[in-house]
C-alpha cells in the first residue's frame, strides 16, 4: 500500500512591509542638506506630526499641541519678506499621497501669516524649492 504523506497547506505569504517612501526621500533630503548646505541643515527641522500611534499616545500629543495638517519641514530662515519656509513633503510620483483638506487649510493659514508654505513632491523638488527660497534677499527684521 502506498504511503500517503499528509501535506500541510501552504502557509499564507506574509505581506512585505510597506515602504515609507516619503520618509526615505525626506531623509535623503536632510542628508543632502547636511552635506551640501550645513547652514540650512542647522535651521531646518521635521515636525513629526503624522504616523500611526496608539490612541492614548495620540491623545496625549493632541493635548500637547499636535495639530492635523502641519507641514513636515520648517526652515527657520527669513527670506523675501517671509518669516520662514514650511514644506509639506510628499514622495515622488507615483508614490506620492494626496494633500489632505487639513494640510491645504494649514498651508493657507501659514501663507496668510507671512510664511511661505508649499507642497513639494520628492527630494529633488524640495531641494530646488529651498534653493529658490534662499535666492530671495534676507527679510530685514527691525527691533524697536
Protein backbone atom coordinates (compact mmCIF):
# COMPACT_ATOMS: atom_id res chain seq x y z
CA UNK A 1 0.00 0.00 0.00
CA UNK A 2 1.22 3.41 -0.92
CA UNK A 3 2.01 5.74 1.88
CA UNK A 4 0.08 8.94 1.54
CA UNK A 5 2.02 11.72 3.07
CA UNK A 6 -0.18 14.29 4.62
CA UNK A 7 0.67 17.61 3.10
CA UNK A 8 0.26 20.67 5.19
CA UNK A 9 -1.43 23.57 3.49
CA UNK A 10 0.86 26.22 2.14
CA UNK A 11 1.17 28.92 4.78
CA UNK A 12 -0.11 32.31 3.66
CA UNK A 13 2.62 34.60 2.49
CA UNK A 14 3.38 37.42 4.82
CA UNK A 15 2.96 40.81 3.27
CA UNK A 16 6.15 42.65 2.63
CA UNK A 17 6.42 45.59 4.98
CA UNK A 18 5.13 48.77 3.37
CA UNK A 19 7.98 51.03 2.35
CA UNK A 20 7.79 54.51 3.78
CA UNK A 21 8.86 56.15 0.53
CA UNK A 22 8.04 59.61 1.82
CA UNK A 23 10.21 59.04 4.90
CA UNK A 24 13.06 57.60 2.84
CA UNK A 25 13.02 60.56 0.43
CA UNK A 26 12.74 63.10 3.23
CA UNK A 27 15.72 61.51 4.99
CA UNK A 28 17.69 61.74 1.71
CA UNK A 29 16.80 65.44 1.53
CA UNK A 30 18.03 66.09 5.07
CA UNK A 31 21.19 64.08 4.39
CA UNK A 32 21.90 66.17 1.28
CA UNK A 33 21.28 69.42 3.16
CA UNK A 34 23.69 68.32 5.91
CA UNK A 35 26.36 67.53 3.32
CA UNK A 36 25.89 70.47 0.94
CA UNK A 37 24.10 73.22 2.88
CA UNK A 38 25.07 72.91 6.55
CA UNK A 39 23.72 76.38 7.43
CA UNK A 40 20.32 75.35 6.09
CA UNK A 41 20.53 71.93 7.75
CA UNK A 42 21.14 73.69 11.06
CA UNK A 43 17.92 75.70 10.71
CA UNK A 44 15.50 73.13 9.25
CA UNK A 45 13.55 70.66 11.32
CA UNK A 46 10.91 67.98 10.87
CA UNK A 47 7.56 68.15 12.63
CA UNK A 48 6.73 64.51 13.50
CA UNK A 49 3.00 65.15 13.31
CA UNK A 50 1.73 62.19 11.33
CA UNK A 51 2.07 58.46 11.53
CA UNK A 52 0.10 55.78 13.27
CA UNK A 53 0.13 55.88 17.03
CA UNK A 54 -1.64 54.15 19.85
CA UNK A 55 -4.83 56.04 20.79
CA UNK A 56 -3.53 57.03 24.23
CA UNK A 57 -0.29 58.43 22.76
CA UNK A 58 -2.22 60.31 20.06
CA UNK A 59 -4.49 61.79 22.74
CA UNK A 60 -1.55 62.98 24.83
CA UNK A 61 0.14 64.52 21.80
CA UNK A 62 -3.07 66.33 20.87
CA UNK A 63 -3.23 67.75 24.42
CA UNK A 64 0.36 68.91 23.97
CA UNK A 65 -0.48 70.82 20.80
CA UNK A 66 -0.23 68.41 17.89
CA UNK A 67 -2.50 69.73 15.13
CA UNK A 68 -3.52 67.96 11.93
CA UNK A 69 -2.17 69.39 8.71
CA UNK A 70 1.06 71.00 9.95
CA UNK A 71 3.67 70.71 7.16
CA UNK A 72 6.52 68.24 7.58
CA UNK A 73 9.51 70.58 7.41
CA UNK A 74 10.17 74.08 8.74
CA UNK A 75 13.10 76.20 7.60
CA UNK A 76 13.60 78.99 10.11
CA UNK A 77 15.35 81.38 7.74
CA UNK A 78 13.52 84.59 6.85
CA UNK A 79 13.76 85.46 3.15
CA UNK A 80 11.92 87.61 0.62
CA UNK A 81 9.66 89.21 3.20
CA UNK A 82 8.60 85.81 4.59
CA UNK A 83 9.23 84.74 8.18
CA UNK A 84 10.21 81.19 7.15
CA UNK A 85 9.50 78.30 4.81
CA UNK A 86 7.13 75.41 5.52
CA UNK A 87 7.27 72.35 3.26
CA UNK A 88 4.58 69.70 3.12
CA UNK A 89 6.75 66.87 1.83
CA UNK A 90 5.28 64.13 -0.37
CA UNK A 91 7.09 61.24 -2.06
CA UNK A 92 7.92 61.47 -5.74
CA UNK A 93 5.04 60.42 -8.01
CA UNK A 94 3.69 57.80 -8.49
CA UNK A 95 4.34 57.04 -4.81
CA UNK A 96 3.02 60.36 -3.54
CA UNK A 97 -0.03 60.76 -1.34
CA UNK A 98 -2.65 63.41 -1.80
CA UNK A 99 -2.70 66.65 0.14
CA UNK A 100 -5.43 66.42 2.78
CA UNK A 101 -8.04 69.08 3.42
CA UNK A 102 -6.36 69.79 6.78
CA UNK A 103 -3.00 70.27 5.04
CA UNK A 104 -4.49 72.63 2.44
CA UNK A 105 -6.13 74.65 5.19
CA UNK A 106 -2.98 74.84 7.33
CA UNK A 107 -0.88 75.89 4.30
CA UNK A 108 -3.40 78.64 3.54
CA UNK A 109 -3.31 79.90 7.14
CA UNK A 110 0.51 79.88 7.25
CA UNK A 111 0.69 81.84 3.99
CA UNK A 112 -1.77 84.39 5.42
CA UNK A 113 0.54 84.86 8.43
CA UNK A 114 3.61 85.75 6.36
CA UNK A 115 5.23 82.34 5.92
CA UNK A 116 5.85 80.68 2.59
CA UNK A 117 4.10 77.31 2.85
CA UNK A 118 4.32 74.94 -0.11
CA UNK A 119 3.96 71.31 -1.16
CA UNK A 120 6.99 69.53 -2.62
CA UNK A 121 6.78 66.15 -4.29
CA UNK A 122 10.10 64.44 -3.79
CA UNK A 123 13.59 65.17 -2.65
CA UNK A 124 14.71 66.93 -5.84
CA UNK A 125 11.71 69.26 -5.97
CA UNK A 126 12.28 70.15 -2.31
CA UNK A 127 15.98 70.92 -2.90
CA UNK A 128 15.05 73.22 -5.79
CA UNK A 129 12.36 74.94 -3.71
CA UNK A 130 14.85 75.54 -0.90
CA UNK A 131 17.44 76.89 -3.36
CA UNK A 132 14.83 79.22 -4.87
CA UNK A 133 13.83 80.40 -1.39
CA UNK A 134 17.47 81.06 -0.44
CA UNK A 135 17.92 83.21 -3.56
CA UNK A 136 15.43 85.67 -2.08
CA UNK A 137 17.03 88.50 -0.12
CA UNK A 138 17.05 88.12 3.67
CA UNK A 139 14.00 89.53 5.39
CA UNK A 140 15.01 92.53 7.46
CA UNK A 141 13.64 92.47 10.97
CA UNK A 142 13.56 95.81 12.73
CA UNK A 143 13.53 95.63 16.51
CA UNK A 144 12.46 98.83 18.22
